[in-house]
Amino acid sequence: MNWKILNQRTWLNLISTIILLIGLGSSVLIYQSVGNDPYGLLDFENSKLYRHNLEVYGGKFSVIMDDFRRWFLGLWHGKSLAFIIACSTIIISFGFFYAANHLSQRSKPESHNENDYDWKD
């Protein structure tokens, strides 16, 4: 088996492809395996009494921040997690692909020293 030394551009393209395949594959598995049922609909924190007490003790800003916290925590569960993983995978993979295709081509040195080897098989 002949091993060739791959240049940096090839490695970055390979890494981009691996990230894309693993990330999208895992997001598909997550999407198929979980439901999007909101957890704890009948608990105390979703009741009107809880929201009323939160507003009495903390004001309207406390209610807004509680809604924001619930929304943000909801992003990391169920099908929305699959979408977040898919989007971040595409962005990271595109970053590696962009870096691979916009590398400045290094010119080969004019003189060879004793540490430069030509790997020919």
PDB file of N, CA and C in Angstrom:
ATOM      1  N   MET A   1       0.847  -1.173   0.000  1.00  0.00           N
ATOM      2  CA  MET A   1       0.000   0.000   0.000  1.00  0.00           C
ATOM      3  C   MET A   1       0.891   1.235   0.000  1.00  0.00           C
ATOM      4  N   ASN A   2       0.634   2.135  -0.924  1.00  0.00           N
ATOM      5  CA  ASN A   2       1.416   3.356  -1.019  1.00  0.00           C
ATOM      6  C   ASN A   2       0.744   4.463  -0.219  1.00  0.00           C
ATOM      7  N   TRP A   3       1.510   5.027   0.670  1.00  0.00           N
ATOM      8  CA  TRP A   3       1.003   6.146   1.468  1.00  0.00           C
ATOM      9  C   TRP A   3       1.529   7.425   0.854  1.00  0.00           C
ATOM     10  N   LYS A   4       0.653   8.325   0.592  1.00  0.00           N
ATOM     11  CA  LYS A   4       1.050   9.622   0.063  1.00  0.00           C
ATOM     12  C   LYS A   4       0.859  10.661   1.154  1.00  0.00           C
ATOM     13  N   ILE A   5       1.724  11.612   1.166  1.00  0.00           N
ATOM     14  CA  ILE A   5       1.579  12.705   2.121  1.00  0.00           C
ATOM     15  C   ILE A   5       0.549  13.674   1.553  1.00  0.00           C
ATOM     16  N   LEU A   6      -0.506  13.858   2.309  1.00  0.00           N
ATOM     17  CA  LEU A   6      -1.567  14.745   1.862  1.00  0.00           C
ATOM     18  C   LEU A   6      -1.247  16.170   2.282  1.00  0.00           C
ATOM     19  N   ASN A   7      -1.545  17.093   1.407  1.00  0.00           N
ATOM     20  CA  ASN A   7      -1.275  18.483   1.761  1.00  0.00           C
ATOM     21  C   ASN A   7      -2.360  19.020   2.689  1.00  0.00           C
ATOM     22  N   GLN A   8      -2.144  20.203   3.165  1.00  0.00           N
ATOM     23  CA  GLN A   8      -3.030  20.792   4.170  1.00  0.00           C
ATOM     24  C   GLN A   8      -4.439  21.014   3.613  1.00  0.00           C
ATOM     25  N   ARG A   9      -4.526  21.355   2.361  1.00  0.00           N
ATOM     26  CA  ARG A   9      -5.834  21.588   1.743  1.00  0.00           C
ATOM     27  C   ARG A   9      -6.669  20.303   1.726  1.00  0.00           C
ATOM     28  N   THR A  10      -6.042  19.206   1.392  1.00  0.00           N
ATOM     29  CA  THR A  10      -6.744  17.930   1.361  1.00  0.00           C
ATOM     30  C   THR A  10      -7.205  17.524   2.750  1.00  0.00           C
ATOM     31  N   TRP A  11      -6.345  17.739   3.753  1.00  0.00           N
ATOM     32  CA  TRP A  11      -6.721  17.406   5.127  1.00  0.00           C
ATOM     33  C   TRP A  11      -7.915  18.227   5.584  1.00  0.00           C
ATOM     34  N   LEU A  12      -7.910  19.512   5.279  1.00  0.00           N
ATOM     35  CA  LEU A  12      -9.028  20.353   5.710  1.00  0.00           C
ATOM     36  C   LEU A  12     -10.324  19.960   5.000  1.00  0.00           C
ATOM     37  N   ASN A  13     -10.241  19.595   3.728  1.00  0.00           N
ATOM     38  CA  ASN A  13     -11.440  19.105   3.027  1.00  0.00           C
ATOM     39  C   ASN A  13     -11.928  17.801   3.631  1.00  0.00           C
ATOM     40  N   LEU A  14     -11.012  16.930   3.995  1.00  0.00           N
ATOM     41  CA  LEU A  14     -11.383  15.662   4.616  1.00  0.00           C
ATOM     42  C   LEU A  14     -12.037  15.888   5.982  1.00  0.00           C
ATOM     43  N   ILE A  15     -11.479  16.784   6.774  1.00  0.00           N
ATOM     44  CA  ILE A  15     -12.043  17.114   8.089  1.00  0.00           C
ATOM     45  C   ILE A  15     -13.430  17.728   7.923  1.00  0.00           C
ATOM     46  N   SER A  16     -13.585  18.602   6.931  1.00  0.00           N
ATOM     47  CA  SER A  16     -14.886  19.219   6.659  1.00  0.00           C
ATOM     48  C   SER A  16     -15.929  18.168   6.313  1.00  0.00           C
ATOM     49  N   THR A  17     -15.556  17.204   5.503  1.00  0.00           N
ATOM     50  CA  THR A  17     -16.493  16.146   5.116  1.00  0.00           C
ATOM     51  C   THR A  17     -16.855  15.263   6.297  1.00  0.00           C
ATOM     52  N   ILE A  18     -15.871  14.917   7.118  1.00  0.00           N
ATOM     53  CA  ILE A  18     -16.130  14.075   8.287  1.00  0.00           C
ATOM     54  C   ILE A  18     -17.050  14.787   9.274  1.00  0.00           C
ATOM     55  N   ILE A  19     -16.796  16.067   9.522  1.00  0.00           N
ATOM     56  CA  ILE A  19     -17.647  16.843  10.429  1.00  0.00           C
ATOM     57  C   ILE A  19     -19.070  16.899   9.900  1.00  0.00           C
ATOM     58  N   LEU A  20     -19.213  17.110   8.597  1.00  0.00           N
ATOM     59  CA  LEU A  20     -20.544  17.199   8.001  1.00  0.00           C
ATOM     60  C   LEU A  20     -21.291  15.881   8.104  1.00  0.00           C
ATOM     61  N   LEU A  21     -20.625  14.787   7.807  1.00  0.00           N
ATOM     62  CA  LEU A  21     -21.294  13.484   7.852  1.00  0.00           C
ATOM     63  C   LEU A  21     -21.681  13.085   9.273  1.00  0.00           C
ATOM     64  N   ILE A  22     -20.766  13.248  10.212  1.00  0.00           N
ATOM     65  CA  ILE A  22     -21.057  12.866  11.601  1.00  0.00           C
ATOM     66  C   ILE A  22     -22.121  13.777  12.212  1.00  0.00           C
ATOM     67  N   GLY A  23     -22.011  15.070  11.980  1.00  0.00           N
ATOM     68  CA  GLY A  23     -22.963  16.009  12.563  1.00  0.00           C
ATOM     69  C   GLY A  23     -24.368  15.849  12.012  1.00  0.00           C
ATOM     70  N   LEU A  24     -24.487  15.749  10.699  1.00  0.00           N
ATOM     71  CA  LEU A  24     -25.815  15.586  10.116  1.00  0.00           C
ATOM     72  C   LEU A  24     -26.405  14.213  10.432  1.00  0.00           C
ATOM     73  N   GLY A  25     -25.544  13.205  10.475  1.00  0.00           N
ATOM     74  CA  GLY A  25     -26.025  11.880  10.852  1.00  0.00           C
ATOM     75  C   GLY A  25     -26.548  11.841  12.273  1.00  0.00           C
ATOM     76  N   SER A  26     -25.827  12.476  13.175  1.00  0.00           N
ATOM     77  CA  SER A  26     -26.281  12.486  14.568  1.00  0.00           C
ATOM     78  C   SER A  26     -27.541  13.327  14.738  1.00  0.00           C
ATOM     79  N   SER A  27     -27.654  14.418  13.984  1.00  0.00           N
ATOM     80  CA  SER A  27     -28.874  15.224  14.101  1.00  0.00           C
ATOM     81  C   SER A  27     -30.086  14.472  13.550  1.00  0.00           C
ATOM     82  N   VAL A  28     -29.891  13.674  12.500  1.00  0.00           N
ATOM     83  CA  VAL A  28     -30.998  12.863  11.987  1.00  0.00           C
ATOM     84  C   VAL A  28     -31.404  11.812  13.012  1.00  0.00           C
ATOM     85  N   LEU A  29     -30.415  11.184  13.658  1.00  0.00           N
ATOM     86  CA  LEU A  29     -30.731  10.193  14.686  1.00  0.00           C
ATOM     87  C   LEU A  29     -31.466  10.813  15.869  1.00  0.00           C
ATOM     88  N   ILE A  30     -31.041  11.988  16.282  1.00  0.00           N
ATOM     89  CA  ILE A  30     -31.717  12.675  17.385  1.00  0.00           C
ATOM     90  C   ILE A  30     -33.136  13.037  16.987  1.00  0.00           C
ATOM     91  N   TYR A  31     -33.305  13.544  15.776  1.00  0.00           N
ATOM     92  CA  TYR A  31     -34.630  13.955  15.311  1.00  0.00           C
ATOM     93  C   TYR A  31     -35.594  12.784  15.265  1.00  0.00           C
ATOM     94  N   GLN A  32     -35.105  11.628  14.833  1.00  0.00           N
ATOM     95  CA  GLN A  32     -35.977  10.461  14.718  1.00  0.00           C
ATOM     96  C   GLN A  32     -36.257   9.789  16.057  1.00  0.00           C
ATOM     97  N   SER A  33     -35.340   9.915  17.000  1.00  0.00           N
ATOM     98  CA  SER A  33     -35.491   9.156  18.241  1.00  0.00           C
ATOM     99  C   SER A  33     -36.253   9.882  19.341  1.00  0.00           C
ATOM    100  N   VAL A  34     -36.374  11.191  19.271  1.00  0.00           N
ATOM    101  CA  VAL A  34     -37.049  11.920  20.346  1.00  0.00           C
ATOM    102  C   VAL A  34     -38.325  12.563  19.838  1.00  0.00           C
ATOM    103  N   GLY A  35     -39.231  12.740  20.743  1.00  0.00           N
ATOM    104  CA  GLY A  35     -40.448  13.482  20.440  1.00  0.00           C
ATOM    105  C   GLY A  35     -40.258  14.929  20.835  1.00  0.00           C
ATOM    106  N   ASN A  36     -41.181  15.744  20.481  1.00  0.00           N
ATOM    107  CA  ASN A  36     -41.086  17.157  20.828  1.00  0.00           C
ATOM    108  C   ASN A  36     -42.098  17.508  21.902  1.00  0.00           C
ATOM    109  N   ASP A  37     -42.375  16.560  22.780  1.00  0.00           N
ATOM    110  CA  ASP A  37     -43.331  16.799  23.847  1.00  0.00           C
ATOM    111  C   ASP A  37     -42.711  17.719  24.886  1.00  0.00           C
ATOM    112  N   PRO A  38     -43.367  18.819  25.184  1.00  0.00           N
ATOM    113  CA  PRO A  38     -42.842  19.671  26.249  1.00  0.00           C
ATOM    114  C   PRO A  38     -42.936  18.937  27.577  1.00  0.00           C
ATOM    115  N   TYR A  39     -41.867  19.001  28.321  1.00  0.00           N
ATOM    116  CA  TYR A  39     -41.837  18.273  29.581  1.00  0.00           C
ATOM    117  C   TYR A  39     -42.452  19.109  30.691  1.00  0.00           C
ATOM    118  N   GLY A  40     -43.182  18.450  31.552  1.00  0.00           N
ATOM    119  CA  GLY A  40     -43.712  19.099  32.738  1.00  0.00           C
ATOM    120  C   GLY A  40     -44.785  20.124  32.480  1.00  0.00           C
ATOM    121  N   LEU A  41     -45.760  19.837  31.637  1.00  0.00           N
ATOM    122  CA  LEU A  41     -46.816  20.811  31.397  1.00  0.00           C
ATOM    123  C   LEU A  41     -47.714  21.022  32.604  1.00  0.00           C
ATOM    124  N   LEU A  42     -47.871  20.019  33.429  1.00  0.00           N
ATOM    125  CA  LEU A  42     -48.815  20.115  34.532  1.00  0.00           C
ATOM    126  C   LEU A  42     -48.145  20.459  35.858  1.00  0.00           C
ATOM    127  N   ASP A  43     -46.885  20.812  35.828  1.00  0.00           N
ATOM    128  CA  ASP A  43     -46.210  21.117  37.088  1.00  0.00           C
ATOM    129  C   ASP A  43     -46.526  22.538  37.560  1.00  0.00           C
ATOM    130  N   PHE A  44     -46.044  22.852  38.724  1.00  0.00           N
ATOM    131  CA  PHE A  44     -46.372  24.116  39.370  1.00  0.00           C
ATOM    132  C   PHE A  44     -45.824  25.315  38.603  1.00  0.00           C
ATOM    133  N   GLU A  45     -44.655  25.149  37.973  1.00  0.00           N
ATOM    134  CA  GLU A  45     -44.024  26.293  37.312  1.00  0.00           C
ATOM    135  C   GLU A  45     -44.799  26.788  36.100  1.00  0.00           C
ATOM    136  N   ASN A  46     -45.676  25.989  35.551  1.00  0.00           N
ATOM    137  CA  ASN A  46     -46.476  26.428  34.413  1.00  0.00           C
ATOM    138  C   ASN A  46     -47.859  26.913  34.823  1.00  0.00           C
ATOM    139  N   SER A  47     -48.117  26.957  36.101  1.00  0.00           N
ATOM    140  CA  SER A  47     -49.443  27.359  36.560  1.00  0.00           C
ATOM    141  C   SER A  47     -49.549  28.879  36.627  1.00  0.00           C
ATOM    142  N   LYS A  48     -50.771  29.350  36.665  1.00  0.00           N
ATOM    143  CA  LYS A  48     -51.018  30.791  36.772  1.00  0.00           C
ATOM    144  C   LYS A  48     -50.581  31.319  38.129  1.00  0.00           C
ATOM    145  N   LEU A  49     -50.713  30.486  39.155  1.00  0.00           N
ATOM    146  CA  LEU A  49     -50.304  30.898  40.490  1.00  0.00           C
ATOM    147  C   LEU A  49     -48.803  31.160  40.547  1.00  0.00           C
ATOM    148  N   TYR A  50     -48.026  30.304  39.901  1.00  0.00           N
ATOM    149  CA  TYR A  50     -46.569  30.491  39.869  1.00  0.00           C
ATOM    150  C   TYR A  50     -46.212  31.799  39.170  1.00  0.00           C
ATOM    151  N   ARG A  51     -46.826  32.060  38.027  1.00  0.00           N
ATOM    152  CA  ARG A  51     -46.527  33.285  37.282  1.00  0.00           C
ATOM    153  C   ARG A  51     -46.972  34.518  38.068  1.00  0.00           C
ATOM    154  N   HIS A  52     -48.096  34.394  38.752  1.00  0.00           N
ATOM    155  CA  HIS A  52     -48.567  35.519  39.564  1.00  0.00           C
ATOM    156  C   HIS A  52     -47.585  35.798  40.704  1.00  0.00           C
ATOM    157  N   ASN A  53     -47.164  34.737  41.411  1.00  0.00           N
ATOM    158  CA  ASN A  53     -46.220  34.922  42.511  1.00  0.00           C
ATOM    159  C   ASN A  53     -44.873  35.440  42.007  1.00  0.00           C
ATOM    160  N   LEU A  54     -44.470  34.986  40.859  1.00  0.00           N
ATOM    161  CA  LEU A  54     -43.216  35.466  40.282  1.00  0.00           C
ATOM    162  C   LEU A  54     -43.303  36.954  39.970  1.00  0.00           C
ATOM    163  N   GLU A  55     -44.433  37.385  39.462  1.00  0.00           N
ATOM    164  CA  GLU A  55     -44.592  38.804  39.164  1.00  0.00           C
ATOM    165  C   GLU A  55     -44.701  39.637  40.434  1.00  0.00           C
ATOM    166  N   VAL A  56     -45.359  39.117  41.465  1.00  0.00           N
ATOM    167  CA  VAL A  56     -45.501  39.861  42.720  1.00  0.00           C
ATOM    168  C   VAL A  56     -44.137  40.056  43.376  1.00  0.00           C
ATOM    169  N   TYR A  57     -43.345  39.001  43.432  1.00  0.00           N
ATOM    170  CA  TYR A  57     -42.060  39.082  44.140  1.00  0.00           C
ATOM    171  C   TYR A  57     -40.929  39.652  43.288  1.00  0.00           C
ATOM    172  N   GLY A  58     -40.980  39.434  41.982  1.00  0.00           N
ATOM    173  CA  GLY A  58     -39.862  39.865  41.155  1.00  0.00           C
ATOM    174  C   GLY A  58     -40.198  40.905  40.115  1.00  0.00           C
ATOM    175  N   GLY A  59     -41.458  41.169  39.902  1.00  0.00           N
ATOM    176  CA  GLY A  59     -41.859  42.160  38.911  1.00  0.00           C
ATOM    177  C   GLY A  59     -41.995  41.548  37.523  1.00  0.00           C
ATOM    178  N   LYS A  60     -42.355  42.396  36.575  1.00  0.00           N
ATOM    179  CA  LYS A  60     -42.559  41.932  35.201  1.00  0.00           C
ATOM    180  C   LYS A  60     -41.257  41.455  34.572  1.00  0.00           C
ATOM    181  N   PHE A  61     -40.164  42.073  34.944  1.00  0.00           N
ATOM    182  CA  PHE A  61     -38.874  41.656  34.389  1.00  0.00           C
ATOM    183  C   PHE A  61     -38.557  40.216  34.785  1.00  0.00           C
ATOM    184  N   SER A  62     -38.909  39.843  35.976  1.00  0.00           N
ATOM    185  CA  SER A  62     -38.693  38.469  36.436  1.00  0.00           C
ATOM    186  C   SER A  62     -39.513  37.476  35.615  1.00  0.00           C
ATOM    187  N   VAL A  63     -40.728  37.841  35.261  1.00  0.00           N
ATOM    188  CA  VAL A  63     -41.560  36.979  34.424  1.00  0.00           C
ATOM    189  C   VAL A  63     -40.963  36.859  33.026  1.00  0.00           C
ATOM    190  N   ILE A  64     -40.486  37.971  32.473  1.00  0.00           N
ATOM    191  CA  ILE A  64     -39.864  37.957  31.149  1.00  0.00           C
ATOM    192  C   ILE A  64     -38.603  37.100  31.159  1.00  0.00           C
ATOM    193  N   MET A  65     -37.790  37.245  32.195  1.00  0.00           N
ATOM    194  CA  MET A  65     -36.560  36.454  32.268  1.00  0.00           C
ATOM    195  C   MET A  65     -36.862  34.966  32.473  1.00  0.00           C
ATOM    196  N   ASP A  66     -37.924  34.663  33.192  1.00  0.00           N
ATOM    197  CA  ASP A  66     -38.321  33.268  33.361  1.00  0.00           C
ATOM    198  C   ASP A  66     -38.785  32.673  32.033  1.00  0.00           C
ATOM    199  N   ASP A  67     -39.531  33.454  31.248  1.00  0.00           N
ATOM    200  CA  ASP A  67     -39.948  32.989  29.923  1.00  0.00           C
ATOM    201  C   ASP A  67     -38.744  32.783  29.006  1.00  0.00           C
ATOM    202  N   PHE A  68     -37.782  33.705  29.065  1.00  0.00           N
ATOM    203  CA  PHE A  68     -36.569  33.574  28.260  1.00  0.00           C
ATOM    204  C   PHE A  68     -35.773  32.333  28.674  1.00  0.00           C
ATOM    205  N   ARG A  69     -35.660  32.091  29.973  1.00  0.00           N
ATOM    206  CA  ARG A  69     -34.933  30.921  30.469  1.00  0.00           C
ATOM    207  C   ARG A  69     -35.588  29.636  29.990  1.00  0.00           C
ATOM    208  N   ARG A  70     -36.911  29.594  30.043  1.00  0.00           N
ATOM    209  CA  ARG A  70     -37.630  28.403  29.578  1.00  0.00           C
ATOM    210  C   ARG A  70     -37.439  28.191  28.073  1.00  0.00           C
ATOM    211  N   TRP A  71     -37.467  29.286  27.310  1.00  0.00           N
ATOM    212  CA  TRP A  71     -37.262  29.174  25.864  1.00  0.00           C
ATOM    213  C   TRP A  71     -35.853  28.663  25.568  1.00  0.00           C
ATOM    214  N   PHE A  72     -34.866  29.238  26.250  1.00  0.00           N
ATOM    215  CA  PHE A  72     -33.483  28.852  26.007  1.00  0.00           C
ATOM    216  C   PHE A  72     -33.231  27.402  26.404  1.00  0.00           C
ATOM    217  N   LEU A  73     -33.766  26.973  27.536  1.00  0.00           N
ATOM    218  CA  LEU A  73     -33.603  25.580  27.943  1.00  0.00           C
ATOM    219  C   LEU A  73     -34.362  24.627  27.023  1.00  0.00           C
ATOM    220  N   GLY A  74     -35.444  25.091  26.437  1.00  0.00           N
ATOM    221  CA  GLY A  74     -36.206  24.275  25.503  1.00  0.00           C
ATOM    222  C   GLY A  74     -35.470  24.023  24.198  1.00  0.00           C
ATOM    223  N   LEU A  75     -34.503  24.879  23.883  1.00  0.00           N
ATOM    224  CA  LEU A  75     -33.721  24.668  22.662  1.00  0.00           C
ATOM    225  C   LEU A  75     -32.857  23.417  22.736  1.00  0.00           C
ATOM    226  N   TRP A  76     -32.520  22.978  23.911  1.00  0.00           N
ATOM    227  CA  TRP A  76     -31.577  21.879  24.083  1.00  0.00           C
ATOM    228  C   TRP A  76     -32.286  20.558  24.343  1.00  0.00           C
ATOM    229  N   HIS A  77     -33.529  20.449  23.937  1.00  0.00           N
ATOM    230  CA  HIS A  77     -34.306  19.216  24.109  1.00  0.00           C
ATOM    231  C   HIS A  77     -35.061  18.920  22.830  1.00  0.00           C
ATOM    232  N   GLY A  78     -35.226  17.659  22.541  1.00  0.00           N
ATOM    233  CA  GLY A  78     -36.102  17.221  21.471  1.00  0.00           C
ATOM    234  C   GLY A  78     -35.628  17.576  20.076  1.00  0.00           C
ATOM    235  N   LYS A  79     -36.596  17.887  19.239  1.00  0.00           N
ATOM    236  CA  LYS A  79     -36.304  18.128  17.830  1.00  0.00           C
ATOM    237  C   LYS A  79     -35.556  19.435  17.606  1.00  0.00           C
ATOM    238  N   SER A  80     -35.749  20.399  18.484  1.00  0.00           N
ATOM    239  CA  SER A  80     -35.009  21.651  18.319  1.00  0.00           C
ATOM    240  C   SER A  80     -33.511  21.432  18.523  1.00  0.00           C
ATOM    241  N   LEU A  81     -33.136  20.481  19.360  1.00  0.00           N
ATOM    242  CA  LEU A  81     -31.722  20.141  19.524  1.00  0.00           C
ATOM    243  C   LEU A  81     -31.156  19.589  18.219  1.00  0.00           C
ATOM    244  N   ALA A  82     -31.927  18.782  17.513  1.00  0.00           N
ATOM    245  CA  ALA A  82     -31.473  18.235  16.235  1.00  0.00           C
ATOM    246  C   ALA A  82     -31.236  19.356  15.223  1.00  0.00           C
ATOM    247  N   PHE A  83     -32.117  20.347  15.198  1.00  0.00           N
ATOM    248  CA  PHE A  83     -31.926  21.473  14.277  1.00  0.00           C
ATOM    249  C   PHE A  83     -30.695  22.294  14.647  1.00  0.00           C
ATOM    250  N   ILE A  84     -30.452  22.495  15.929  1.00  0.00           N
ATOM    251  CA  ILE A  84     -29.284  23.254  16.356  1.00  0.00           C
ATOM    252  C   ILE A  84     -28.006  22.519  15.989  1.00  0.00           C
ATOM    253  N   ILE A  85     -27.972  21.215  16.183  1.00  0.00           N
ATOM    254  CA  ILE A  85     -26.794  20.430  15.819  1.00  0.00           C
ATOM    255  C   ILE A  85     -26.571  20.464  14.314  1.00  0.00           C
ATOM    256  N   ALA A  86     -27.641  20.356  13.535  1.00  0.00           N
ATOM    257  CA  ALA A  86     -27.502  20.386  12.077  1.00  0.00           C
ATOM    258  C   ALA A  86     -26.978  21.739  11.601  1.00  0.00           C
ATOM    259  N   CYS A  87     -27.513  22.823  12.127  1.00  0.00           N
ATOM    260  CA  CYS A  87     -27.061  24.158  11.712  1.00  0.00           C
ATOM    261  C   CYS A  87     -25.623  24.423  12.125  1.00  0.00           C
ATOM    262  N   SER A  88     -25.266  24.072  13.344  1.00  0.00           N
ATOM    263  CA  SER A  88     -23.884  24.302  13.782  1.00  0.00           C
ATOM    264  C   SER A  88     -22.910  23.411  13.019  1.00  0.00           C
ATOM    265  N   THR A  89     -23.335  22.205  12.658  1.00  0.00           N
ATOM    266  CA  THR A  89     -22.488  21.324  11.860  1.00  0.00           C
ATOM    267  C   THR A  89     -22.228  21.926  10.492  1.00  0.00           C
ATOM    268  N   ILE A  90     -23.259  22.448   9.861  1.00  0.00           N
ATOM    269  CA  ILE A  90     -23.100  23.049   8.538  1.00  0.00           C
ATOM    270  C   ILE A  90     -22.179  24.259   8.609  1.00  0.00           C
ATOM    271  N   ILE A  91     -22.322  25.074   9.639  1.00  0.00           N
ATOM    272  CA  ILE A  91     -21.481  26.267   9.777  1.00  0.00           C
ATOM    273  C   ILE A  91     -20.018  25.875  10.015  1.00  0.00           C
ATOM    274  N   ILE A  92     -19.767  24.932  10.902  1.00  0.00           N
ATOM    275  CA  ILE A  92     -18.391  24.520  11.193  1.00  0.00           C
ATOM    276  C   ILE A  92     -17.764  23.842   9.981  1.00  0.00           C
ATOM    277  N   SER A  93     -18.520  22.994   9.310  1.00  0.00           N
ATOM    278  CA  SER A  93     -18.008  22.314   8.126  1.00  0.00           C
ATOM    279  C   SER A  93     -17.696  23.317   7.010  1.00  0.00           C
ATOM    280  N   PHE A  94     -18.574  24.294   6.844  1.00  0.00           N
ATOM    281  CA  PHE A  94     -18.317  25.330   5.852  1.00  0.00           C
ATOM    282  C   PHE A  94     -17.057  26.122   6.198  1.00  0.00           C
ATOM    283  N   GLY A  95     -16.823  26.355   7.486  1.00  0.00           N
ATOM    284  CA  GLY A  95     -15.605  27.056   7.895  1.00  0.00           C
ATOM    285  C   GLY A  95     -14.349  26.297   7.503  1.00  0.00           C
ATOM    286  N   PHE A  96     -14.325  24.992   7.719  1.00  0.00           N
ATOM    287  CA  PHE A  96     -13.172  24.194   7.306  1.00  0.00           C
ATOM    288  C   PHE A  96     -13.051  24.160   5.785  1.00  0.00           C
ATOM    289  N   PHE A  97     -14.175  24.042   5.082  1.00  0.00           N
ATOM    290  CA  PHE A  97     -14.154  24.009   3.622  1.00  0.00           C
ATOM    291  C   PHE A  97     -13.658  25.340   3.062  1.00  0.00           C
ATOM    292  N   TYR A  98     -14.107  26.429   3.662  1.00  0.00           N
ATOM    293  CA  TYR A  98     -13.667  27.758   3.237  1.00  0.00           C
ATOM    294  C   TYR A  98     -12.171  27.929   3.477  1.00  0.00           C
ATOM    295  N   ALA A  99     -11.703  27.488   4.634  1.00  0.00           N
ATOM    296  CA  ALA A  99     -10.278  27.591   4.938  1.00  0.00           C
ATOM    297  C   ALA A  99      -9.451  26.744   3.974  1.00  0.00           C
ATOM    298  N   ALA A 100      -9.964  25.582   3.611  1.00  0.00           N
ATOM    299  CA  ALA A 100      -9.225  24.707   2.700  1.00  0.00           C
ATOM    300  C   ALA A 100      -9.114  25.309   1.308  1.00  0.00           C
ATOM    301  N   ASN A 101     -10.152  25.966   0.850  1.00  0.00           N
ATOM    302  CA  ASN A 101     -10.145  26.489  -0.512  1.00  0.00           C
ATOM    303  C   ASN A 101      -9.587  27.897  -0.634  1.00  0.00           C
ATOM    304  N   HIS A 102      -9.306  28.529   0.475  1.00  0.00           N
ATOM    305  CA  HIS A 102      -8.736  29.869   0.420  1.00  0.00           C
ATOM    306  C   HIS A 102      -7.363  29.941   1.081  1.00  0.00           C
ATOM    307  N   LEU A 103      -6.689  28.821   1.144  1.00  0.00           N
ATOM    308  CA  LEU A 103      -5.327  28.844   1.654  1.00  0.00           C
ATOM    309  C   LEU A 103      -4.414  29.468   0.614  1.00  0.00           C
ATOM    310  N   SER A 104      -3.470  30.218   1.076  1.00  0.00           N
ATOM    311  CA  SER A 104      -2.492  30.738   0.128  1.00  0.00           C
ATOM    312  C   SER A 104      -1.555  29.600  -0.248  1.00  0.00           C
ATOM    313  N   GLN A 105      -1.367  29.443  -1.511  1.00  0.00           N
ATOM    314  CA  GLN A 105      -0.503  28.368  -1.990  1.00  0.00           C
ATOM    315  C   GLN A 105       0.940  28.726  -1.665  1.00  0.00           C
ATOM    316  N   ARG A 106       1.542  27.845  -0.918  1.00  0.00           N
ATOM    317  CA  ARG A 106       2.935  28.081  -0.534  1.00  0.00           C
ATOM    318  C   ARG A 106       3.835  27.681  -1.695  1.00  0.00           C
ATOM    319  N   SER A 107       4.768  28.534  -1.971  1.00  0.00           N
ATOM    320  CA  SER A 107       5.704  28.201  -3.040  1.00  0.00           C
ATOM    321  C   SER A 107       6.786  27.289  -2.487  1.00  0.00           C
ATOM    322  N   LYS A 108       7.235  26.389  -3.325  1.00  0.00           N
ATOM    323  CA  LYS A 108       8.276  25.458  -2.895  1.00  0.00           C
ATOM    324  C   LYS A 108       9.605  26.199  -2.801  1.00  0.00           C
ATOM    325  N   PRO A 109      10.411  25.857  -1.824  1.00  0.00           N
ATOM    326  CA  PRO A 109      11.705  26.535  -1.686  1.00  0.00           C
ATOM    327  C   PRO A 109      12.610  26.200  -2.873  1.00  0.00           C
ATOM    328  N   GLU A 110      13.422  27.184  -3.234  1.00  0.00           N
ATOM    329  CA  GLU A 110      14.327  27.016  -4.369  1.00  0.00           C
ATOM    330  C   GLU A 110      15.443  26.033  -4.071  1.00  0.00           C
ATOM    331  N   SER A 111      15.977  26.098  -2.880  1.00  0.00           N
ATOM    332  CA  SER A 111      17.088  25.213  -2.544  1.00  0.00           C
ATOM    333  C   SER A 111      16.586  24.102  -1.632  1.00  0.00           C
ATOM    334  N   HIS A 112      17.100  22.922  -1.818  1.00  0.00           N
ATOM    335  CA  HIS A 112      16.745  21.781  -0.991  1.00  0.00           C
ATOM    336  C   HIS A 112      17.866  21.545   0.004  1.00  0.00           C
ATOM    337  N   ASN A 113      17.504  21.332   1.231  1.00  0.00           N
ATOM    338  CA  ASN A 113      18.521  20.961   2.191  1.00  0.00           C
ATOM    339  C   ASN A 113      18.412  19.475   2.467  1.00  0.00           C
ATOM    340  N   GLU A 114      19.248  18.975   3.356  1.00  0.00           N
ATOM    341  CA  GLU A 114      19.276  17.538   3.572  1.00  0.00           C
ATOM    342  C   GLU A 114      18.043  17.005   4.297  1.00  0.00           C
ATOM    343  N   ASN A 115      17.205  17.868   4.887  1.00  0.00           N
ATOM    344  CA  ASN A 115      16.003  17.426   5.588  1.00  0.00           C
ATOM    345  C   ASN A 115      14.775  17.343   4.678  1.00  0.00           C
ATOM    346  N   ASP A 116      14.888  17.843   3.448  1.00  0.00           N
ATOM    347  CA  ASP A 116      13.777  17.751   2.507  1.00  0.00           C
ATOM    348  C   ASP A 116      13.835  16.426   1.784  1.00  0.00           C
ATOM    349  N   TYR A 117      12.777  15.720   1.812  1.00  0.00           N
ATOM    350  CA  TYR A 117      12.726  14.413   1.160  1.00  0.00           C
ATOM    351  C   TYR A 117      11.658  14.417   0.088  1.00  0.00           C
ATOM    352  N   ASP A 118      11.947  13.731  -0.977  1.00  0.00           N
ATOM    353  CA  ASP A 118      10.941  13.500  -2.000  1.00  0.00           C
ATOM    354  C   ASP A 118      10.367  12.133  -1.745  1.00  0.00           C
ATOM    355  N   TRP A 119       9.091  12.064  -1.481  1.00  0.00           N
ATOM    356  CA  TRP A 119       8.439  10.807  -1.159  1.00  0.00           C
ATOM    357  C   TRP A 119       7.856  10.215  -2.428  1.00  0.00           C
ATOM    358  N   LYS A 120       8.671   9.495  -3.136  1.00  0.00           N
ATOM    359  CA  LYS A 120       8.229   8.842  -4.365  1.00  0.00           C
ATOM    360  C   LYS A 120       8.297   7.355  -4.161  1.00  0.00           C
ATOM    361  N   ASP A 121       7.227   6.682  -4.536  1.00  0.00           N
ATOM    362  CA  ASP A 121       7.206   5.227  -4.437  1.00  0.00           C
ATOM    363  C   ASP A 121       7.066   4.613  -5.799  1.00  0.00           C
TER     364      ASP A 121
END
